[in-house]
Amino acid sequence: MKKLFSYILLSTVAFASCKKTFLDENMQSAYAPQNTLSDSLGFEANVAGILSRIRAQYTSDDDQGLLGAMFLGTDVVINGQTTAAMFPYVNNETMSSSDFAAGTYWRWAYTTLNNINTVIAASQNPAVTGTSENNKAYVGAEAKFYRAYVYNFLVTLWGPVPMTLTPISSPKTDFTRTTVDSVNAQIVKDLTEAVAVLPADPRTARKEFRPNKAMCQQLLAEVYLRMNKPDLAEAQCQAVIANPAFALVKARYGVKASMPGDYYNDMFLIGNQRYGQGNKEAIWVIEQDLNTPGGANSSSSNASTDQHRRMWVPYYAGITNMVIADSLGGRGIGRFRLSNWVMYGLYDQYDIRNSKYNFRRELRYNDPSKPKYGQVLTIADGDTVWHINPYVTKWNNYNPADINGYGTYHDITVMRLGETYLLLAEAQFKQNRSADAAASINVLRQRAYPDYPAHGQVQAADISLNFILDERARELISEENRRMTLIRTGTLVQRCTDYLNKYNTGTGQTVTGLDKVTARKGLLPIPQSAIDLNTGAKLDQNTGY
């Protein structure tokens, strides 16, 4: 396996003469964890590096469609303009141990973990005296949250994985897989220790986008559900819900409060997503900012690499007499589209989450210089897979200075209170308390249905795991990592069969090779490159690869 550490080296050389002494090294500065983690500024710099790495999980542009691997092959989307990275998740028989997306996410995780472990080690090192013990403990708690987050990602998608808790600064070739139980125990330990240190109110965190107690508790709830400990998961959910800092958004607010719209849509508008911008439902939002140094992850040739808009918004600009517009979401290219089940079967007409502000279901010609201006586009006018289709508006983004913009400058909502109620309902259902689960879902239904309870109210008899997964799709479409949810609940194949394939039969847009997914227990392959380079020990591959 390649070295699992990263560093930045900056050196300055003055060309004063051509004497031989020019070859003598006279290093003026070196920025690396081993010498920057010595004072408060160094700790802050390294935390900023971790934040950038975490954001990179969602903003990588590798193969133009890496994000799709976490949605394709589930019940909510089908392939549109599919890339090589996304293809094996639709046609599972083509998946191999050299899968591009699995390898990219694996490398992301272990590179990020080494950065995190370096900070945790420094926070526990008594020889580091350039900052206070309180500051070391605080930053260490933040890093422990991130470590738990990354390991939860790994163990959910790969099962047993190598677990490293100390920094690696030289080549290591003897990794072995750690049991799921052991990884889970470490995740719980890290989060429990972080909860004891971090503030409950995001306004008193170092920055509102940095870890707080509720972030740890929400992640703990998800972990406990995966561990089949619903009673412990329920306790974590109740703690978050009882936190007076958070509340469901039920009224208009923010940048477009005086314009047509609705309060659910307000949560996803640029300028509204953050807690400090009025979104009291926001537990964890990864921030991105246009024209701000460090405001987004970027590559050498592009100002931003985030592909959310290009993935979720269809390629309507590819149709004659259509131009890129803010009102339509900016420039999309339709990497995938919503499944027929989501587009036509998931919502009812009374659900505000299905309003015209949250789903764009109709397109009209918008080039005023053309004769069809204002007329409704029809299927006959274009390819309905990635040119014309209903789409979620949560990722709409438009920069008038760069209308063909490559990247998306849009905050990424990772955790919000709406999901807390869904996790709570799942925990209650798993304890055979369907009435309580219905009550938890009805909290969201009361928000989603303006005429509740005339419409939208559910009863105990309505509650099943499938119903809870349906409701997660209604509430969290395009937000949650759907693949992780279905693997965690053991429903990936069943949902593809009964929801995606059933409603897409005859369209050519089905997921194939589901028998392979069953044999693999839904898990991704350990990258073959990691296995081949691990010459000092046997790194076992997952079954079926």
Protein backbone atom coordinates (compact mmCIF):
# COMPACT_ATOMS: atom_id res chain seq x y z
CA MET A 1 0.00 0.00 0.00
CA LYS A 2 1.23 3.46 -0.79
CA LYS A 3 2.37 5.73 2.01
CA LEU A 4 -0.64 6.91 3.91
CA PHE A 5 0.54 10.36 4.85
CA SER A 6 0.56 13.78 3.28
CA TYR A 7 2.65 16.87 3.79
CA ILE A 8 3.34 20.22 2.29
CA LEU A 9 6.90 21.40 1.83
CA LEU A 10 7.66 25.05 1.19
CA SER A 11 11.20 26.24 0.72
CA THR A 12 12.75 29.49 -0.40
CA VAL A 13 16.06 29.68 -2.25
CA ALA A 14 17.97 32.86 -3.00
CA PHE A 15 20.12 32.79 -6.08
CA ALA A 16 22.89 35.10 -4.76
CA SER A 17 25.86 33.51 -6.53
CA CYS A 18 27.14 30.45 -8.35
CA LYS A 19 29.52 29.40 -5.59
CA LYS A 20 29.62 25.81 -4.45
CA THR A 21 28.08 26.85 -1.12
CA PHE A 22 24.85 27.36 -3.01
CA LEU A 23 24.35 23.59 -2.73
CA ASP A 24 24.42 23.73 1.06
CA GLU A 25 20.91 23.37 2.44
CA ASN A 26 19.73 26.33 4.45
CA MET A 27 16.07 25.60 5.02
CA GLN A 28 14.20 28.66 6.16
CA SER A 29 10.86 27.01 6.86
CA ALA A 30 9.21 23.63 6.60
CA TYR A 31 5.50 23.19 7.05
CA ALA A 32 4.79 19.64 8.14
CA PRO A 33 2.70 18.22 10.99
CA GLN A 34 5.74 17.23 13.06
CA ASN A 35 6.83 20.85 13.48
CA THR A 36 3.62 22.84 13.06
CA LEU A 37 1.71 20.96 15.79
CA SER A 38 3.54 22.86 18.48
CA ASP A 39 1.30 25.84 19.19
CA SER A 40 -2.30 27.00 18.80
CA LEU A 41 -1.75 28.34 15.29
CA GLY A 42 -0.27 25.04 14.20
CA PHE A 43 -3.23 23.11 15.61
CA GLU A 44 -5.65 25.43 13.82
CA ALA A 45 -3.75 25.01 10.54
CA ASN A 46 -3.91 21.24 10.80
CA VAL A 47 -7.62 21.31 11.65
CA ALA A 48 -8.15 23.40 8.52
CA GLY A 49 -6.33 20.67 6.59
CA ILE A 50 -8.64 18.01 8.02
CA LEU A 51 -11.68 20.09 7.11
CA SER A 52 -10.42 20.35 3.54
CA ARG A 53 -9.93 16.58 3.40
CA ILE A 54 -13.44 15.93 4.73
CA ARG A 55 -14.91 18.32 2.16
CA ALA A 56 -12.95 16.51 -0.56
CA GLN A 57 -15.05 13.40 0.07
CA TYR A 58 -18.02 15.24 -1.44
CA THR A 59 -16.27 17.47 -3.95
CA SER A 60 -13.91 15.21 -5.88
CA ASP A 61 -14.30 15.55 -9.64
CA ASP A 62 -12.39 12.38 -10.51
CA ASP A 63 -13.87 10.89 -13.69
CA GLN A 64 -16.58 13.57 -13.63
CA GLY A 65 -18.94 11.43 -11.68
CA LEU A 66 -17.46 9.89 -8.56
CA LEU A 67 -20.35 11.18 -6.48
CA GLY A 68 -22.68 9.00 -8.50
CA ALA A 69 -21.17 5.83 -7.07
CA MET A 70 -22.91 6.62 -3.79
CA PHE A 71 -26.32 6.97 -5.46
CA LEU A 72 -26.34 4.78 -8.58
CA GLY A 73 -27.26 1.19 -7.95
CA THR A 74 -29.76 2.28 -5.30
CA ASP A 75 -33.50 2.87 -5.48
CA VAL A 76 -33.44 6.64 -6.04
CA VAL A 77 -31.57 7.32 -9.30
CA ILE A 78 -30.81 5.76 -12.66
CA ASN A 79 -27.91 6.46 -14.98
CA GLY A 80 -28.03 9.38 -17.35
CA GLN A 81 -24.74 10.54 -18.81
CA THR A 82 -22.85 7.77 -17.02
CA THR A 83 -19.07 7.76 -16.65
CA ALA A 84 -16.71 4.83 -16.26
CA ALA A 85 -16.53 5.42 -12.50
CA MET A 86 -20.30 5.08 -12.22
CA PHE A 87 -20.96 2.21 -14.63
CA PRO A 88 -20.13 -0.75 -12.32
CA TYR A 89 -22.70 0.50 -9.80
CA VAL A 90 -25.45 0.11 -12.40
CA ASN A 91 -24.13 -3.10 -13.99
CA ASN A 92 -22.79 -4.89 -10.95
CA GLU A 93 -21.46 -7.85 -12.92
CA THR A 94 -18.73 -5.52 -14.21
CA MET A 95 -17.56 -4.55 -10.72
CA SER A 96 -14.02 -5.71 -9.94
CA SER A 97 -11.32 -5.28 -7.32
CA SER A 98 -9.84 -2.52 -9.48
CA ASP A 99 -13.00 -0.42 -9.32
CA PHE A 100 -12.12 3.25 -9.75
CA ALA A 101 -14.61 4.77 -7.32
CA ALA A 102 -14.00 2.25 -4.53
CA GLY A 103 -10.27 2.80 -4.86
CA THR A 104 -10.63 6.59 -4.79
CA TYR A 105 -12.79 6.58 -1.67
CA TRP A 106 -10.47 4.07 0.03
CA ARG A 107 -7.43 6.26 -0.59
CA TRP A 108 -9.35 9.33 0.52
CA ALA A 109 -10.27 7.64 3.80
CA TYR A 110 -6.80 6.44 4.76
CA THR A 111 -5.03 9.63 3.72
CA THR A 112 -7.55 11.59 5.78
CA LEU A 113 -7.17 9.23 8.74
CA ASN A 114 -3.44 9.73 8.83
CA ASN A 115 -3.88 13.48 8.98
CA ILE A 116 -6.42 13.03 11.78
CA ASN A 117 -4.22 10.61 13.73
CA THR A 118 -1.35 13.06 13.54
CA VAL A 119 -3.47 15.75 15.21
CA ILE A 120 -4.80 13.36 17.87
CA ALA A 121 -1.27 12.18 18.69
CA ALA A 122 -0.07 15.77 19.12
CA SER A 123 -3.08 16.60 21.29
CA GLN A 124 -2.09 13.77 23.64
CA ASN A 125 1.64 14.49 23.62
CA PRO A 126 2.85 16.04 26.93
CA ALA A 127 5.93 17.35 25.13
CA VAL A 128 3.73 19.76 23.15
CA THR A 129 3.70 22.79 25.42
CA GLY A 130 3.17 25.67 22.99
CA THR A 131 -0.60 25.61 23.53
CA SER A 132 -2.80 24.96 26.55
CA GLU A 133 -3.95 21.52 27.66
CA ASN A 134 -7.54 22.70 27.25
CA ASN A 135 -6.89 23.64 23.65
CA LYS A 136 -5.19 20.32 22.97
CA ALA A 137 -8.15 18.47 24.47
CA TYR A 138 -10.63 20.51 22.43
CA VAL A 139 -8.87 20.04 19.09
CA GLY A 140 -8.30 16.38 19.95
CA ALA A 141 -12.04 15.95 20.49
CA GLU A 142 -12.77 17.52 17.11
CA ALA A 143 -10.30 15.16 15.45
CA LYS A 144 -11.87 12.16 17.21
CA PHE A 145 -15.24 13.07 15.70
CA TYR A 146 -13.70 13.12 12.25
CA ARG A 147 -11.90 9.82 12.86
CA ALA A 148 -15.17 8.21 13.90
CA TYR A 149 -16.88 9.65 10.84
CA VAL A 150 -14.28 8.23 8.45
CA TYR A 151 -14.23 4.80 10.11
CA ASN A 152 -18.01 4.63 10.02
CA PHE A 153 -17.82 5.32 6.29
CA LEU A 154 -15.23 2.58 5.84
CA VAL A 155 -16.79 -0.14 7.96
CA THR A 156 -20.26 0.45 6.47
CA LEU A 157 -19.06 0.10 2.88
CA TRP A 158 -16.22 -2.43 3.26
CA GLY A 159 -16.88 -4.36 6.48
CA PRO A 160 -13.68 -5.31 8.34
CA VAL A 161 -10.96 -2.81 7.46
CA PRO A 162 -7.42 -2.04 8.63
CA MET A 163 -7.58 0.23 11.66
CA THR A 164 -4.76 2.67 12.33
CA LEU A 165 -4.83 4.92 15.39
CA THR A 166 -1.33 6.39 15.22
CA PRO A 167 0.39 8.45 12.51
CA ILE A 168 2.28 6.63 9.77
CA SER A 169 5.33 8.46 8.52
CA SER A 170 7.15 5.70 6.65
CA PRO A 171 6.08 2.95 4.24
CA LYS A 172 3.93 0.25 5.87
CA THR A 173 3.21 -3.02 4.07
CA ASP A 174 1.72 -5.28 6.74
CA PHE A 175 -1.87 -4.10 7.11
CA THR A 176 -4.49 -6.62 8.21
CA ARG A 177 -8.22 -6.22 8.55
CA THR A 178 -9.74 -5.40 11.95
CA THR A 179 -13.08 -6.92 12.89
CA VAL A 180 -16.22 -4.83 12.53
CA ASP A 181 -16.86 -5.15 16.28
CA SER A 182 -13.43 -3.72 17.09
CA VAL A 183 -13.82 -0.83 14.66
CA ASN A 184 -17.28 -0.12 16.06
CA ALA A 185 -15.89 -0.08 19.60
CA GLN A 186 -13.28 2.49 18.58
CA ILE A 187 -15.90 4.64 16.84
CA VAL A 188 -18.07 4.64 19.97
CA LYS A 189 -15.05 5.41 22.17
CA ASP A 190 -13.98 8.35 20.01
CA LEU A 191 -17.48 9.82 19.84
CA THR A 192 -18.17 9.33 23.55
CA GLU A 193 -14.94 11.11 24.43
CA ALA A 194 -15.70 13.90 21.96
CA VAL A 195 -19.22 14.42 23.37
CA ALA A 196 -17.71 15.05 26.80
CA VAL A 197 -15.62 17.96 25.48
CA LEU A 198 -17.45 19.64 22.59
CA PRO A 199 -20.16 22.28 23.10
CA ALA A 200 -23.84 21.53 22.67
CA ASP A 201 -24.59 24.85 20.98
CA PRO A 202 -23.03 25.35 17.52
CA ARG A 203 -22.72 29.05 18.28
CA THR A 204 -20.14 28.29 20.95
CA ALA A 205 -18.05 25.94 18.80
CA ARG A 206 -14.77 27.28 17.39
CA LYS A 207 -16.64 27.81 14.13
CA GLU A 208 -20.23 26.80 13.52
CA PHE A 209 -19.20 24.35 10.80
CA ARG A 210 -16.76 22.58 13.15
CA PRO A 211 -17.74 19.63 15.39
CA ASN A 212 -20.27 20.09 18.17
CA LYS A 213 -21.93 17.70 20.58
CA ALA A 214 -24.99 17.16 18.38
CA MET A 215 -22.85 16.06 15.43
CA CYS A 216 -21.30 13.37 17.63
CA GLN A 217 -24.67 12.26 18.99
CA GLN A 218 -26.27 12.05 15.54
CA LEU A 219 -23.37 9.97 14.24
CA LEU A 220 -23.54 7.77 17.35
CA ALA A 221 -27.23 7.15 16.67
CA GLU A 222 -26.45 5.95 13.15
CA VAL A 223 -23.61 3.76 14.41
CA TYR A 224 -25.75 2.20 17.13
CA LEU A 225 -28.46 1.41 14.59
CA ARG A 226 -25.87 -0.30 12.41
CA MET A 227 -24.72 -2.23 15.51
CA ASN A 228 -28.37 -3.26 16.16
CA LYS A 229 -28.52 -1.36 19.45
CA PRO A 230 -31.69 0.66 18.84
CA ASP A 231 -32.19 1.61 22.49
CA LEU A 232 -28.81 3.35 22.56
CA ALA A 233 -29.53 4.96 19.20
CA GLU A 234 -32.83 6.31 20.52
CA ALA A 235 -31.10 7.91 23.51
CA GLN A 236 -28.73 9.79 21.20
CA CYS A 237 -31.57 11.00 18.98
CA GLN A 238 -33.58 12.19 21.96
CA ALA A 239 -30.55 14.12 23.22
CA VAL A 240 -30.24 15.96 19.91
CA ILE A 241 -33.97 16.69 19.72
CA ALA A 242 -33.96 17.98 23.30
CA ASN A 243 -31.11 20.38 22.50
CA PRO A 244 -32.72 23.86 22.57
CA ALA A 245 -30.24 25.15 19.99
CA PHE A 246 -31.99 23.21 17.20
CA ALA A 247 -35.51 23.34 15.78
CA LEU A 248 -37.25 22.24 12.58
CA VAL A 249 -37.66 24.97 10.00
CA LYS A 250 -41.39 25.70 9.73
CA ALA A 251 -41.49 29.28 8.52
CA ARG A 252 -40.02 31.37 5.72
CA TYR A 253 -36.66 32.98 6.42
CA GLY A 254 -33.52 34.32 4.82
CA VAL A 255 -32.39 35.64 1.48
CA LYS A 256 -35.63 35.06 -0.47
CA ALA A 257 -38.20 35.16 2.34
CA SER A 258 -40.19 37.90 0.59
CA MET A 259 -40.17 36.09 -2.76
CA PRO A 260 -42.30 33.14 -3.91
CA GLY A 261 -41.11 29.89 -2.32
CA ASP A 262 -41.61 27.76 0.77
CA TYR A 263 -39.85 27.18 4.08
CA TYR A 264 -38.53 23.73 3.11
CA ASN A 265 -36.88 25.14 -0.01
CA ASP A 266 -35.44 28.01 2.04
CA MET A 267 -33.10 25.56 3.81
CA PHE A 268 -31.22 24.82 0.58
CA LEU A 269 -30.77 28.30 -0.81
CA ILE A 270 -27.26 29.73 -0.90
CA GLY A 271 -27.13 32.19 1.96
CA ASN A 272 -29.67 30.23 4.04
CA GLN A 273 -28.06 26.87 4.71
CA ARG A 274 -25.92 27.65 7.73
CA TYR A 275 -27.04 27.84 11.31
CA GLY A 276 -25.85 31.43 11.55
CA GLN A 277 -27.91 32.28 8.46
CA GLY A 278 -31.14 31.28 10.19
CA ASN A 279 -31.24 27.53 9.55
CA LYS A 280 -31.84 26.26 13.09
CA GLU A 281 -32.20 22.74 11.68
CA ALA A 282 -28.56 22.64 10.56
CA ILE A 283 -26.42 20.33 12.68
CA TRP A 284 -23.46 19.96 10.29
CA VAL A 285 -23.00 21.93 7.09
CA ILE A 286 -19.78 21.82 5.05
CA GLU A 287 -19.28 25.35 3.82
CA GLN A 288 -18.22 26.45 0.36
CA ASP A 289 -17.68 30.05 -0.69
CA LEU A 290 -17.17 31.73 -4.05
CA ASN A 291 -14.23 34.14 -4.35
CA THR A 292 -12.88 33.20 -0.91
CA PRO A 293 -9.38 31.74 -0.53
CA GLY A 294 -9.81 28.20 0.72
CA GLY A 295 -13.56 28.50 0.21
CA ALA A 296 -13.74 25.35 -1.90
CA ASN A 297 -11.58 22.43 -2.92
CA SER A 298 -10.10 23.03 -6.35
CA SER A 299 -7.89 21.47 -8.98
CA SER A 300 -5.13 23.19 -10.90
CA SER A 301 -7.37 24.00 -13.86
CA ASN A 302 -10.72 24.65 -12.20
CA ALA A 303 -11.87 27.08 -9.53
CA SER A 304 -14.03 24.46 -7.82
CA THR A 305 -14.33 20.71 -8.20
CA ASP A 306 -17.71 20.06 -6.57
CA GLN A 307 -19.95 18.34 -9.12
CA HIS A 308 -23.31 18.32 -7.33
CA ARG A 309 -25.02 20.71 -9.73
CA ARG A 310 -23.68 18.95 -12.80
CA MET A 311 -24.85 15.62 -11.41
CA TRP A 312 -28.38 16.53 -10.27
CA VAL A 313 -29.48 19.18 -12.80
CA PRO A 314 -30.32 17.77 -16.26
CA TYR A 315 -28.59 18.89 -19.43
CA TYR A 316 -31.44 21.12 -20.55
CA ALA A 317 -28.91 23.46 -22.18
CA GLY A 318 -28.28 20.74 -24.75
CA ILE A 319 -31.74 21.33 -26.23
CA THR A 320 -32.17 23.84 -29.05
CA ASN A 321 -33.74 27.12 -27.91
CA MET A 322 -32.70 26.57 -24.28
CA VAL A 323 -30.12 28.69 -22.46
CA ILE A 324 -28.49 28.27 -19.05
CA ALA A 325 -30.49 30.09 -16.41
CA ASP A 326 -30.37 30.72 -12.66
CA SER A 327 -34.07 29.85 -12.41
CA LEU A 328 -33.38 26.40 -13.87
CA GLY A 329 -30.45 25.63 -11.57
CA GLY A 330 -27.45 26.63 -13.64
CA ARG A 331 -25.51 24.35 -15.95
CA GLY A 332 -26.29 20.71 -15.32
CA ILE A 333 -25.14 17.76 -17.38
CA GLY A 334 -27.44 15.06 -16.02
CA ARG A 335 -24.96 12.46 -14.82
CA PHE A 336 -27.97 10.67 -13.42
CA ARG A 337 -31.67 11.26 -13.06
CA LEU A 338 -34.24 10.38 -10.43
CA SER A 339 -35.76 6.93 -10.74
CA ASN A 340 -39.32 6.52 -11.96
CA TRP A 341 -40.33 5.53 -8.44
CA VAL A 342 -39.08 8.84 -7.03
CA MET A 343 -40.39 10.96 -9.91
CA TYR A 344 -43.85 9.46 -10.14
CA GLY A 345 -44.58 7.32 -7.08
CA LEU A 346 -42.87 8.67 -3.97
CA TYR A 347 -44.69 11.94 -3.24
CA ASP A 348 -48.29 13.00 -3.17
CA GLN A 349 -49.65 16.35 -4.27
CA TYR A 350 -50.03 17.71 -0.74
CA ASP A 351 -46.41 17.25 0.34
CA ILE A 352 -44.50 20.54 0.38
CA ARG A 353 -41.29 18.59 -0.32
CA ASN A 354 -42.83 17.94 -3.74
CA SER A 355 -43.67 21.59 -4.42
CA LYS A 356 -42.58 23.38 -7.58
CA TYR A 357 -39.87 25.08 -5.54
CA ASN A 358 -38.33 21.77 -4.49
CA PHE A 359 -38.89 19.76 -7.68
CA ARG A 360 -38.69 21.16 -11.19
CA ARG A 361 -41.18 19.11 -13.16
CA GLU A 362 -41.79 21.41 -16.11
CA LEU A 363 -39.37 23.16 -18.44
CA ARG A 364 -40.26 25.95 -20.87
CA TYR A 365 -38.24 27.31 -23.75
CA ASN A 366 -36.35 30.23 -22.29
CA ASP A 367 -34.50 31.85 -25.21
CA PRO A 368 -36.51 35.04 -25.89
CA SER A 369 -35.04 35.33 -29.38
CA LYS A 370 -36.60 32.06 -30.50
CA PRO A 371 -40.19 31.44 -31.69
CA LYS A 372 -40.97 28.76 -29.10
CA TYR A 373 -40.15 31.05 -26.19
CA GLY A 374 -42.40 30.32 -23.21
CA GLN A 375 -43.80 27.07 -24.59
CA VAL A 376 -43.52 23.87 -22.53
CA LEU A 377 -40.83 21.42 -23.61
CA THR A 378 -42.21 18.04 -24.60
CA ILE A 379 -40.62 14.61 -24.64
CA ALA A 380 -40.44 14.82 -28.42
CA ASP A 381 -38.04 17.74 -28.09
CA GLY A 382 -35.24 15.88 -26.38
CA ASP A 383 -33.77 12.85 -24.66
CA THR A 384 -35.70 12.43 -21.40
CA VAL A 385 -32.88 10.59 -19.66
CA TRP A 386 -30.56 13.51 -19.17
CA HIS A 387 -32.03 16.43 -21.13
CA ILE A 388 -35.57 16.60 -19.78
CA ASN A 389 -36.70 15.07 -16.51
CA PRO A 390 -38.06 16.14 -13.14
CA TYR A 391 -35.21 17.06 -10.83
CA VAL A 392 -34.54 18.13 -7.28
CA THR A 393 -33.60 21.79 -6.88
CA LYS A 394 -31.45 21.48 -3.74
CA TRP A 395 -28.23 21.81 -5.76
CA ASN A 396 -29.20 24.72 -7.97
CA ASN A 397 -26.19 27.02 -8.36
CA TYR A 398 -25.44 29.79 -10.83
CA ASN A 399 -22.60 32.26 -11.14
CA PRO A 400 -23.39 35.04 -13.63
CA ALA A 401 -19.67 35.69 -14.05
CA ASP A 402 -19.18 32.09 -15.19
CA ILE A 403 -22.41 30.69 -16.57
CA ASN A 404 -20.69 27.52 -17.84
CA GLY A 405 -19.11 27.07 -14.42
CA TYR A 406 -17.40 23.78 -13.79
CA GLY A 407 -17.75 23.51 -10.03
CA THR A 408 -20.59 24.08 -7.60
CA TYR A 409 -20.26 26.71 -4.88
CA HIS A 410 -23.01 25.41 -2.65
CA ASP A 411 -22.88 24.40 0.99
CA ILE A 412 -23.23 20.67 1.66
CA THR A 413 -25.74 19.71 4.33
CA VAL A 414 -24.43 16.57 6.03
CA MET A 415 -26.62 16.46 9.14
CA ARG A 416 -29.86 18.22 10.02
CA LEU A 417 -32.63 17.76 12.54
CA GLY A 418 -35.04 16.35 9.98
CA GLU A 419 -32.91 13.22 9.76
CA THR A 420 -32.72 12.97 13.56
CA TYR A 421 -36.45 12.23 13.66
CA LEU A 422 -36.05 9.57 10.98
CA LEU A 423 -33.23 7.87 12.89
CA LEU A 424 -35.40 8.04 16.00
CA ALA A 425 -38.33 6.42 14.18
CA GLU A 426 -36.05 3.64 12.96
CA ALA A 427 -34.75 3.03 16.49
CA GLN A 428 -38.28 2.92 17.88
CA PHE A 429 -39.51 0.60 15.14
CA LYS A 430 -36.64 -1.78 15.86
CA GLN A 431 -37.84 -1.93 19.45
CA ASN A 432 -41.33 -2.94 18.29
CA ARG A 433 -42.81 0.46 19.14
CA SER A 434 -44.55 1.34 15.90
CA ALA A 435 -46.85 3.88 17.51
CA ASP A 436 -43.86 5.85 18.78
CA ALA A 437 -42.19 5.56 15.38
CA ALA A 438 -45.32 6.92 13.71
CA ALA A 439 -45.37 9.83 16.16
CA SER A 440 -41.75 10.68 15.30
CA ILE A 441 -42.46 10.60 11.56
CA ASN A 442 -45.59 12.68 12.09
CA VAL A 443 -43.41 15.48 13.44
CA LEU A 444 -41.91 15.70 9.95
CA ARG A 445 -45.27 15.14 8.30
CA GLN A 446 -46.79 18.03 10.20
CA ARG A 447 -44.05 20.23 8.80
CA ALA A 448 -44.37 18.80 5.27
CA TYR A 449 -48.19 18.98 4.93
CA PRO A 450 -49.73 22.45 5.32
CA ASP A 451 -53.19 20.93 5.98
CA TYR A 452 -51.99 18.20 8.37
CA PRO A 453 -53.68 16.05 9.70
CA ALA A 454 -56.22 16.13 6.88
CA HIS A 455 -53.37 14.87 4.74
CA GLY A 456 -50.03 13.34 5.67
CA GLN A 457 -50.69 11.79 9.06
CA VAL A 458 -49.47 8.20 9.46
CA GLN A 459 -50.55 5.51 11.91
CA ALA A 460 -48.72 2.72 13.69
CA ALA A 461 -50.03 0.23 11.13
CA ASP A 462 -48.31 2.18 8.36
CA ILE A 463 -44.84 1.77 9.86
CA SER A 464 -42.34 -0.68 8.41
CA LEU A 465 -38.66 -0.47 7.56
CA ASN A 466 -39.62 0.10 3.92
CA PHE A 467 -41.91 2.96 4.94
CA ILE A 468 -39.12 4.57 6.96
CA LEU A 469 -36.76 4.25 3.98
CA ASP A 470 -39.46 5.78 1.77
CA GLU A 471 -39.74 8.69 4.18
CA ARG A 472 -35.98 9.13 4.24
CA ALA A 473 -36.10 9.49 0.47
CA ARG A 474 -38.89 12.06 0.67
CA GLU A 475 -37.10 14.13 3.27
CA LEU A 476 -33.45 13.62 2.32
CA ILE A 477 -33.42 13.05 -1.43
CA SER A 478 -29.96 13.96 -2.79
CA GLU A 479 -28.70 14.75 0.74
CA GLU A 480 -28.15 11.41 2.44
CA ASN A 481 -25.57 8.94 1.17
CA ARG A 482 -28.23 6.53 -0.05
CA ARG A 483 -25.86 3.61 -0.63
CA MET A 484 -24.68 3.74 2.97
CA THR A 485 -28.25 3.86 4.26
CA LEU A 486 -29.32 0.80 2.26
CA ILE A 487 -26.20 -1.18 3.15
CA ARG A 488 -26.59 -0.26 6.82
CA THR A 489 -30.20 -1.46 6.81
CA GLY A 490 -29.45 -4.56 4.69
CA THR A 491 -31.94 -3.51 2.02
CA LEU A 492 -29.82 -2.57 -1.00
CA VAL A 493 -30.82 -5.49 -3.24
CA GLN A 494 -34.44 -5.57 -2.11
CA ARG A 495 -34.92 -1.87 -2.74
CA CYS A 496 -33.32 -2.07 -6.18
CA THR A 497 -35.55 -5.00 -7.08
CA ASP A 498 -38.86 -3.79 -5.66
CA TYR A 499 -38.51 -0.06 -6.21
CA LEU A 500 -36.04 0.83 -8.95
CA ASN A 501 -36.21 -2.16 -11.30
CA LYS A 502 -39.94 -2.70 -10.82
CA TYR A 503 -40.83 0.83 -11.90
CA ASN A 504 -38.19 1.08 -14.61
CA THR A 505 -38.89 -2.20 -16.39
CA GLY A 506 -39.07 -1.63 -20.13
CA THR A 507 -37.09 1.62 -20.04
CA GLY A 508 -33.67 -0.03 -20.21
CA GLN A 509 -32.76 1.78 -17.00
CA THR A 510 -32.48 -1.06 -14.49
CA VAL A 511 -29.73 -2.22 -12.17
CA THR A 512 -28.25 -5.56 -13.23
CA GLY A 513 -26.08 -8.14 -11.50
CA LEU A 514 -27.98 -7.94 -8.22
CA ASP A 515 -27.11 -11.57 -7.53
CA LYS A 516 -23.50 -10.42 -7.40
CA VAL A 517 -24.42 -7.75 -4.87
CA THR A 518 -26.14 -10.36 -2.71
CA ALA A 519 -23.06 -12.61 -2.79
CA ARG A 520 -20.87 -9.65 -1.80
CA LYS A 521 -23.27 -8.61 0.99
CA GLY A 522 -23.41 -5.21 -0.66
CA LEU A 523 -19.80 -4.47 0.25
CA LEU A 524 -17.28 -2.75 -2.00
CA PRO A 525 -13.99 -4.36 -3.04
CA ILE A 526 -10.73 -3.74 -1.21
CA PRO A 527 -8.64 -2.02 -3.92
CA GLN A 528 -6.41 -4.54 -5.68
CA SER A 529 -3.53 -2.07 -5.56
CA ALA A 530 -3.74 -2.02 -1.76
CA ILE A 531 -3.64 -5.80 -1.64
CA ASP A 532 -0.73 -6.07 -4.07
CA LEU A 533 1.39 -3.49 -2.25
CA ASN A 534 0.73 -5.02 1.17
CA THR A 535 3.61 -7.51 0.88
CA GLY A 536 4.25 -7.92 4.60
CA ALA A 537 0.90 -9.50 5.47
CA LYS A 538 -2.21 -10.84 3.80
CA LEU A 539 -4.92 -8.25 3.26
CA ASP A 540 -8.01 -10.33 2.57
CA GLN A 541 -10.43 -9.36 -0.18
CA ASN A 542 -14.19 -9.16 0.36
CA THR A 543 -16.19 -12.18 -0.79
CA GLY A 544 -17.23 -12.14 -4.43
CA TYR A 545 -14.30 -10.22 -5.94
